[in-house]
Amino acid sequence: MLETVEKILDKYDLLSKEKTLLVGFSGGADSVCLSDITYKLSQKYGFKLVLCHLNHNWRGEHSLADMEFCKKFSRERNLEILTETLSAEEKQTETNARELRYEFFEDCKDKSNANALLLAHNKNDRVETLIYRIIKGTGVKGLVSIKEKRDYILRPLINISRAEIEKYCQSNNLNFVTDSTNFENDYNRNYIRNEILPKFEKINPKYIDAINNLSILAEENETLINEVLEKTYSNILKDNKISTADFLTSSDETKKRIILDIFTKNNLDYDSKKINEVLDFIKKNSNIDCGVKYSLTTDLWLFVSTEEIEVI
C-alpha cells in the first residue's frame, strides 16, 4: 500500500524537499492509514507534512476526544496539526458539514502553503457516492463519482478498499477512532453503506470492484466527451458567452451537456429534471431581444437573449 501511495505522489511530482503536503485527518482508519504512510514517505523524501482536523462538534465530548486523539497522533510524530471546532449551532446536515469541511481545508491549505491536500477517500467511498448519485438522478456524468485528483485535492487511497485499509492499520498496530454517527441510518450515505450495499454482496461478493470499475470506465468516457465538447465550445463560445443561435442548432444531447457543464462548473446540484427545465426555459425565451433571467441560486442567474446565454 505504501508503494501505491508513493507512485501516486510521484506521478504528481510531490516527492521532494520543496513540497508541503496537507492531510485531512479525522482520526478514522482511512485517514490514520494515509497519514502514517505519508509520514513514512516524508521521512524518506524530506517533504513537509501537515495534518488538519475539523471538529464538527456533533457528538460533544466524543468529538473532543477524537480531536485529542488526532493531536496525540501528531505529537508522537512531531507533526504540525491545524485544528478548528465548529459551533454547536451549525446545521447538522451532510451538505452543510461538507461545505464547512472544504472551507476549512481551503483555509488550512493557505495557512500551510501546501502544494496539495491529501484526502483518504477509498474505493468503498467511491462506490457509495456512485450509488447515491444514481438514486438522486444525477445522470451519466455522476457515475464518475470521486476522482483521484481534482484541482489541488489528491486521493491516494481511492483505488484501495476499506478492508485493505483496516488490515494495514492492524498490521502496523495503528489505533484509530470510530465515529458513532457512522452507524446512524438517518444520514443518506450511512443508510447506503449499512443497509443497501450489504445486499449487493449476495448477488456479487466482489461488487465493490465491479462498481468501482464502472466509475473508472465512466471517467474514461467523460474524458472523450470533454474532448468533443472542447471543439463544440470553440465554435459557440465567445467571451465566455454562449451563442444562442449556435446553441439552438446543436442536438438536444449537446444542449443538455452544455447545461450540465454550467451546473458542475458553478458547483450546483443538478438532476435530469433540472437540466430539462433549464433547456425548456432557454428554448421558450431565446427570441426575446432584451433577454430574461433564470435563477440558479439566490445570487446566480442564467441570462438568455436572442444573442447570447450567460451565467451572471
Protein backbone atom coordinates (compact mmCIF):
# COMPACT_ATOMS: atom_id res chain seq x y z
CA MET A 1 0.00 0.00 0.00
CA LEU A 2 2.89 2.34 0.74
CA GLU A 3 4.19 1.73 -2.77
CA THR A 4 0.77 2.61 -4.23
CA VAL A 5 0.68 5.97 -2.45
CA GLU A 6 4.34 6.60 -3.31
CA LYS A 7 3.65 6.09 -7.02
CA ILE A 8 0.67 8.45 -6.96
CA LEU A 9 2.61 11.19 -5.17
CA ASP A 10 5.48 10.74 -7.63
CA LYS A 11 3.00 10.90 -10.53
CA TYR A 12 2.08 14.43 -9.45
CA ASP A 13 5.67 15.47 -8.62
CA LEU A 14 5.12 15.74 -4.86
CA LEU A 15 8.08 13.73 -3.56
CA SER A 16 10.69 16.42 -2.96
CA LYS A 17 12.01 18.54 -0.09
CA GLU A 18 10.47 21.68 -1.59
CA LYS A 19 6.92 20.33 -1.23
CA THR A 20 4.42 20.67 1.60
CA LEU A 21 1.58 18.15 1.80
CA LEU A 22 -1.55 18.69 3.86
CA VAL A 23 -3.59 15.67 5.00
CA GLY A 24 -7.22 15.84 6.08
CA PHE A 25 -7.14 13.90 9.35
CA SER A 26 -10.36 12.76 11.04
CA GLY A 27 -8.69 10.10 13.17
CA GLY A 28 -10.65 7.32 11.47
CA ALA A 29 -8.99 4.25 9.95
CA ASP A 30 -8.76 5.77 6.45
CA SER A 31 -7.03 9.00 7.48
CA VAL A 32 -4.80 7.23 10.04
CA CYS A 33 -3.64 4.87 7.29
CA LEU A 34 -2.96 7.72 4.85
CA SER A 35 -1.25 9.87 7.48
CA ASP A 36 1.01 7.00 8.61
CA ILE A 37 2.02 6.21 5.03
CA THR A 38 2.69 9.85 4.09
CA TYR A 39 4.64 10.29 7.35
CA LYS A 40 6.91 7.38 6.38
CA LEU A 41 7.34 8.84 2.90
CA SER A 42 8.15 12.26 4.36
CA GLN A 43 10.96 10.64 6.33
CA LYS A 44 12.27 9.12 3.09
CA TYR A 45 11.89 12.12 0.77
CA GLY A 46 12.03 15.10 3.12
CA PHE A 47 8.80 16.89 2.18
CA LYS A 48 6.93 18.72 4.90
CA LEU A 49 3.78 17.04 6.20
CA VAL A 50 0.97 18.93 7.95
CA LEU A 51 -2.26 17.41 9.29
CA CYS A 52 -5.58 19.22 9.68
CA HIS A 53 -8.59 18.21 11.76
CA LEU A 54 -12.04 19.78 11.81
CA ASN A 55 -14.16 19.04 14.87
CA HIS A 56 -17.76 19.20 13.60
CA ASN A 57 -18.86 19.19 17.24
CA TRP A 58 -21.82 16.89 16.63
CA ARG A 59 -21.04 14.47 19.46
CA GLY A 60 -19.92 16.71 22.34
CA GLU A 61 -17.23 15.10 24.48
CA HIS A 62 -16.77 12.27 21.98
CA SER A 63 -15.87 14.81 19.26
CA LEU A 64 -13.38 16.47 21.61
CA ALA A 65 -11.86 13.07 22.39
CA ASP A 66 -11.41 12.43 18.64
CA MET A 67 -9.62 15.77 18.28
CA GLU A 68 -7.33 14.94 21.20
CA PHE A 69 -6.54 11.60 19.57
CA CYS A 70 -5.52 13.46 16.40
CA LYS A 71 -3.31 15.86 18.36
CA LYS A 72 -1.65 12.94 20.16
CA PHE A 73 -1.02 11.16 16.86
CA SER A 74 0.67 14.33 15.56
CA ARG A 75 2.76 14.90 18.71
CA GLU A 76 4.10 11.35 18.59
CA ARG A 77 5.42 12.01 15.10
CA ASN A 78 6.41 15.63 15.68
CA LEU A 79 3.96 16.80 13.03
CA GLU A 80 2.17 20.12 12.83
CA ILE A 81 -1.62 19.86 13.06
CA LEU A 82 -4.16 22.58 12.33
CA THR A 83 -7.48 22.24 14.16
CA GLU A 84 -10.80 24.04 14.39
CA THR A 85 -14.01 23.38 16.32
CA LEU A 86 -17.31 24.37 14.76
CA SER A 87 -20.09 25.99 16.71
CA ALA A 88 -22.69 23.60 18.09
CA GLU A 89 -25.26 25.89 16.48
CA GLU A 90 -24.23 24.88 12.95
CA LYS A 91 -26.79 22.89 10.98
CA GLN A 92 -26.08 19.19 11.41
CA THR A 93 -26.65 18.13 7.81
CA GLU A 94 -24.40 16.22 5.40
CA THR A 95 -24.40 19.11 2.92
CA ASN A 96 -23.54 21.80 5.46
CA ALA A 97 -20.84 19.63 7.03
CA ARG A 98 -19.23 19.03 3.65
CA GLU A 99 -19.27 22.73 2.74
CA LEU A 100 -17.74 23.77 6.06
CA ARG A 101 -15.17 20.99 5.85
CA TYR A 102 -13.92 22.12 2.45
CA GLU A 103 -13.84 25.75 3.60
CA PHE A 104 -11.65 24.58 6.48
CA PHE A 105 -9.39 22.63 4.10
CA GLU A 106 -9.01 25.68 1.87
CA ASP A 107 -8.05 27.82 4.87
CA CYS A 108 -5.53 25.22 6.07
CA LYS A 109 -4.01 24.95 2.61
CA ASP A 110 -3.44 28.71 2.60
CA LYS A 111 -2.02 28.72 6.15
CA SER A 112 0.39 25.87 5.47
CA ASN A 113 1.20 26.98 1.91
CA ALA A 114 0.63 23.36 0.89
CA ASN A 115 1.18 22.10 -2.64
CA ALA A 116 -1.61 19.55 -2.31
CA LEU A 117 -4.36 18.42 0.04
CA LEU A 118 -4.49 14.65 0.50
CA LEU A 119 -7.84 13.10 1.45
CA ALA A 120 -8.37 9.49 2.47
CA HIS A 121 -11.37 8.59 0.31
CA ASN A 122 -11.16 4.96 -0.72
CA LYS A 123 -12.71 2.50 -3.16
CA ASN A 124 -15.75 1.97 -0.91
CA ASP A 125 -16.36 5.72 -0.70
CA ARG A 126 -16.34 5.91 -4.48
CA VAL A 127 -18.95 3.13 -4.68
CA GLU A 128 -21.17 4.72 -2.01
CA THR A 129 -21.02 8.07 -3.81
CA LEU A 130 -21.86 6.49 -7.15
CA ILE A 131 -24.91 4.68 -5.72
CA TYR A 132 -26.06 7.88 -4.01
CA ARG A 133 -25.80 9.81 -7.28
CA ILE A 134 -27.71 7.14 -9.21
CA ILE A 135 -30.52 7.32 -6.64
CA LYS A 136 -30.54 11.14 -6.86
CA GLY A 137 -30.72 11.00 -10.65
CA THR A 138 -27.57 12.97 -11.44
CA GLY A 139 -27.07 11.26 -14.81
CA VAL A 140 -24.19 9.52 -16.56
CA LYS A 141 -21.65 12.19 -15.51
CA GLY A 142 -22.40 11.29 -11.90
CA LEU A 143 -21.06 7.77 -12.49
CA VAL A 144 -17.55 9.22 -12.45
CA SER A 145 -18.05 9.52 -8.68
CA ILE A 146 -14.86 10.50 -6.81
CA LYS A 147 -11.78 11.30 -8.89
CA GLU A 148 -8.19 10.58 -7.93
CA LYS A 149 -7.31 14.25 -8.44
CA ARG A 150 -9.35 17.43 -8.67
CA ASP A 151 -7.62 20.81 -8.60
CA TYR A 152 -5.25 20.71 -5.61
CA ILE A 153 -7.04 17.76 -3.96
CA LEU A 154 -5.46 14.33 -4.29
CA ARG A 155 -6.88 10.99 -3.09
CA PRO A 156 -4.04 8.43 -2.97
CA LEU A 157 -6.23 5.66 -1.47
CA ILE A 158 -9.08 5.91 -3.97
CA ASN A 159 -8.31 2.50 -5.52
CA ILE A 160 -7.79 0.76 -2.19
CA SER A 161 -10.65 -0.91 -0.33
CA ARG A 162 -11.71 -0.17 3.22
CA ALA A 163 -10.88 -3.78 4.17
CA GLU A 164 -7.29 -3.32 2.94
CA ILE A 165 -7.00 -0.07 4.90
CA GLU A 166 -8.19 -1.68 8.13
CA LYS A 167 -5.78 -4.57 7.55
CA TYR A 168 -2.92 -2.05 7.16
CA CYS A 169 -3.84 -0.39 10.45
CA GLN A 170 -3.97 -3.76 12.19
CA SER A 171 -0.65 -4.92 10.72
CA ASN A 172 1.06 -1.68 11.76
CA ASN A 173 -0.54 -1.55 15.24
CA LEU A 174 -2.28 1.73 14.47
CA ASN A 175 -5.15 2.82 16.66
CA PHE A 176 -7.98 4.86 15.19
CA VAL A 177 -11.28 6.35 16.31
CA THR A 178 -14.72 5.28 15.14
CA ASP A 179 -17.39 7.92 14.64
CA SER A 180 -20.57 6.57 16.22
CA THR A 181 -22.69 8.57 13.76
CA ASN A 182 -21.43 6.21 11.02
CA PHE A 183 -23.97 3.70 12.30
CA GLU A 184 -26.91 6.11 12.32
CA ASN A 185 -29.04 5.49 9.25
CA ASP A 186 -30.62 8.95 9.42
CA TYR A 187 -27.83 10.10 7.10
CA ASN A 188 -28.20 9.07 3.45
CA ARG A 189 -24.66 7.82 2.95
CA ASN A 190 -24.81 5.78 6.15
CA TYR A 191 -28.05 4.17 5.01
CA ILE A 192 -26.45 3.24 1.70
CA ARG A 193 -23.37 1.83 3.47
CA ASN A 194 -25.19 -0.01 6.24
CA GLU A 195 -28.40 -1.16 4.59
CA ILE A 196 -28.21 -1.12 0.79
CA LEU A 197 -24.68 -2.19 -0.15
CA PRO A 198 -24.59 -5.34 2.05
CA LYS A 199 -27.48 -6.67 -0.05
CA PHE A 200 -25.34 -6.30 -3.19
CA GLU A 201 -22.86 -8.78 -1.74
CA LYS A 202 -25.47 -11.55 -2.00
CA ILE A 203 -25.53 -11.02 -5.77
CA ASN A 204 -21.81 -10.39 -6.26
CA PRO A 205 -19.28 -10.76 -3.40
CA LYS A 206 -16.90 -8.59 -5.45
CA TYR A 207 -19.44 -5.81 -6.02
CA ILE A 208 -17.03 -3.15 -4.70
CA ASP A 209 -14.58 -3.91 -7.52
CA ALA A 210 -17.36 -4.22 -10.12
CA ILE A 211 -18.96 -0.87 -9.28
CA ASN A 212 -15.58 0.80 -8.89
CA ASN A 213 -14.64 -0.36 -12.40
CA LEU A 214 -17.87 1.18 -13.71
CA SER A 215 -16.79 4.52 -12.23
CA ILE A 216 -13.36 4.22 -13.85
CA LEU A 217 -14.92 3.44 -17.25
CA ALA A 218 -17.29 6.39 -16.84
CA GLU A 219 -14.31 8.66 -16.19
CA GLU A 220 -12.60 7.42 -19.36
CA ASN A 221 -15.77 8.10 -21.36
CA GLU A 222 -16.06 11.51 -19.72
CA THR A 223 -12.58 12.35 -20.98
CA LEU A 224 -13.62 11.50 -24.54
CA ILE A 225 -16.84 13.52 -24.22
CA ASN A 226 -14.91 16.53 -22.92
CA GLU A 227 -12.56 16.37 -25.92
CA VAL A 228 -15.57 16.59 -28.25
CA LEU A 229 -17.10 19.38 -26.17
CA GLU A 230 -13.89 21.40 -26.40
CA LYS A 231 -14.39 21.54 -30.16
CA THR A 232 -18.06 22.45 -29.71
CA TYR A 233 -17.23 25.27 -27.31
CA SER A 234 -14.64 26.66 -29.69
CA ASN A 235 -17.48 27.23 -32.17
CA ILE A 236 -20.26 28.52 -29.91
CA LEU A 237 -18.39 30.25 -27.08
CA LYS A 238 -17.33 33.87 -27.44
CA ASP A 239 -16.01 35.91 -24.48
CA ASN A 240 -17.41 33.25 -22.09
CA LYS A 241 -20.85 33.77 -23.60
CA ILE A 242 -22.69 31.04 -25.49
CA SER A 243 -24.09 31.99 -28.90
CA THR A 244 -27.84 31.40 -28.64
CA ALA A 245 -28.19 30.65 -32.35
CA ASP A 246 -25.39 28.07 -32.29
CA PHE A 247 -26.75 26.55 -29.09
CA LEU A 248 -30.21 26.09 -30.62
CA THR A 249 -28.85 24.40 -33.75
CA SER A 250 -26.98 21.82 -31.63
CA SER A 251 -28.51 18.42 -30.89
CA ASP A 252 -30.62 18.16 -27.73
CA GLU A 253 -27.98 15.85 -26.29
CA THR A 254 -25.32 18.54 -26.78
CA LYS A 255 -27.62 21.22 -25.34
CA LYS A 256 -28.19 19.15 -22.20
CA ARG A 257 -24.49 18.51 -21.82
CA ILE A 258 -23.71 22.24 -22.06
CA ILE A 259 -26.34 22.94 -19.39
CA LEU A 260 -24.87 20.17 -17.24
CA ASP A 261 -21.46 21.84 -17.54
CA ILE A 262 -22.98 25.12 -16.34
CA PHE A 263 -24.21 23.37 -13.22
CA THR A 264 -20.98 21.49 -12.49
CA LYS A 265 -18.68 24.45 -13.16
CA ASN A 266 -20.67 26.50 -10.66
CA ASN A 267 -20.82 23.67 -8.08
CA LEU A 268 -24.61 23.43 -8.27
CA ASP A 269 -26.75 20.40 -7.53
CA TYR A 270 -28.49 19.01 -10.58
CA ASP A 271 -30.62 16.17 -11.90
CA SER A 272 -32.24 15.36 -15.24
CA LYS A 273 -35.42 17.22 -14.29
CA LYS A 274 -33.46 20.40 -13.53
CA ILE A 275 -31.49 20.19 -16.76
CA ASN A 276 -34.66 19.72 -18.83
CA GLU A 277 -36.25 22.64 -17.01
CA VAL A 278 -33.36 24.93 -17.95
CA LEU A 279 -33.39 23.67 -21.55
CA ASP A 280 -37.13 24.43 -21.83
CA PHE A 281 -36.52 27.90 -20.38
CA ILE A 282 -33.84 28.66 -22.97
CA LYS A 283 -35.98 27.42 -25.87
CA LYS A 284 -39.01 29.43 -24.75
CA ASN A 285 -37.10 32.67 -24.17
CA SER A 286 -34.45 32.63 -26.89
CA ASN A 287 -36.48 35.01 -29.07
CA ILE A 288 -36.56 37.86 -26.50
CA ASP A 289 -34.19 40.62 -27.61
CA CYS A 290 -33.74 42.28 -24.21
CA GLY A 291 -33.24 38.91 -22.51
CA VAL A 292 -34.61 37.24 -19.40
CA LYS A 293 -33.01 35.67 -16.33
CA TYR A 294 -33.40 32.22 -14.79
CA SER A 295 -32.49 31.88 -11.09
CA LEU A 296 -29.82 29.22 -10.48
CA THR A 297 -29.28 30.31 -6.85
CA THR A 298 -30.20 33.38 -4.80
CA ASP A 299 -27.30 35.30 -6.34
CA LEU A 300 -26.54 33.40 -9.56
CA TRP A 301 -28.57 33.74 -12.76
CA LEU A 302 -28.67 32.34 -16.27
CA PHE A 303 -29.24 35.17 -18.75
CA VAL A 304 -30.88 34.25 -22.07
CA SER A 305 -31.45 36.53 -25.08
CA THR A 306 -31.59 36.18 -28.86
CA GLU A 307 -27.84 36.83 -28.97
CA GLU A 308 -26.30 35.05 -26.01
CA ILE A 309 -26.58 32.76 -22.99
CA GLU A 310 -24.51 33.71 -19.97
CA VAL A 311 -24.17 32.99 -16.25
CA ILE A 312 -24.28 36.26 -14.29
